[in-house]
Amino acid sequence: QYELNASKTLKADANKLFSAGKLQEALEKYDRVKENLKYHTAVESIDLRKSCLLNASLCNLKLKNYDKTVQDCNEVLKSDVNNVKAVYRRGQAHEEKGELKRAAADIKRATEL
């Protein structure tokens, strides 16, 4: 429970940093939550971790860390195969990396979800 409460606080702090345009600092906090809750099995913990993975994927996308964006999105998609944000962001990252077939497949899939 302690880790969950601490992670909620970290996410709230990260969200404020993100809103202020401090993407790298926000990303560091989202990454800490991802690690803190990696082995938690409670639904609330899983949902919080997924939210932070998605937020981290957006930070990574904006910071041009495209491989990390794909990695975060893939992790979300392992347990939530139809997550529109994860599919779409992964497609954007593939596009930026010049992987146009993968990008097109993800963007098309996102529009169908």
Foldseek 3Di string as FASTA:
>chain_A
DVLLVVLVVLQVVLVVCVVVVVLVSSLVSLVVLLVSLVPPDDPSSVVSNLVSLLSNLVSCVVVLVLVSNLVSLVVSCVVVVLDLSSLQSNLSSCVVVVVNVSNVVSNVSSVVD
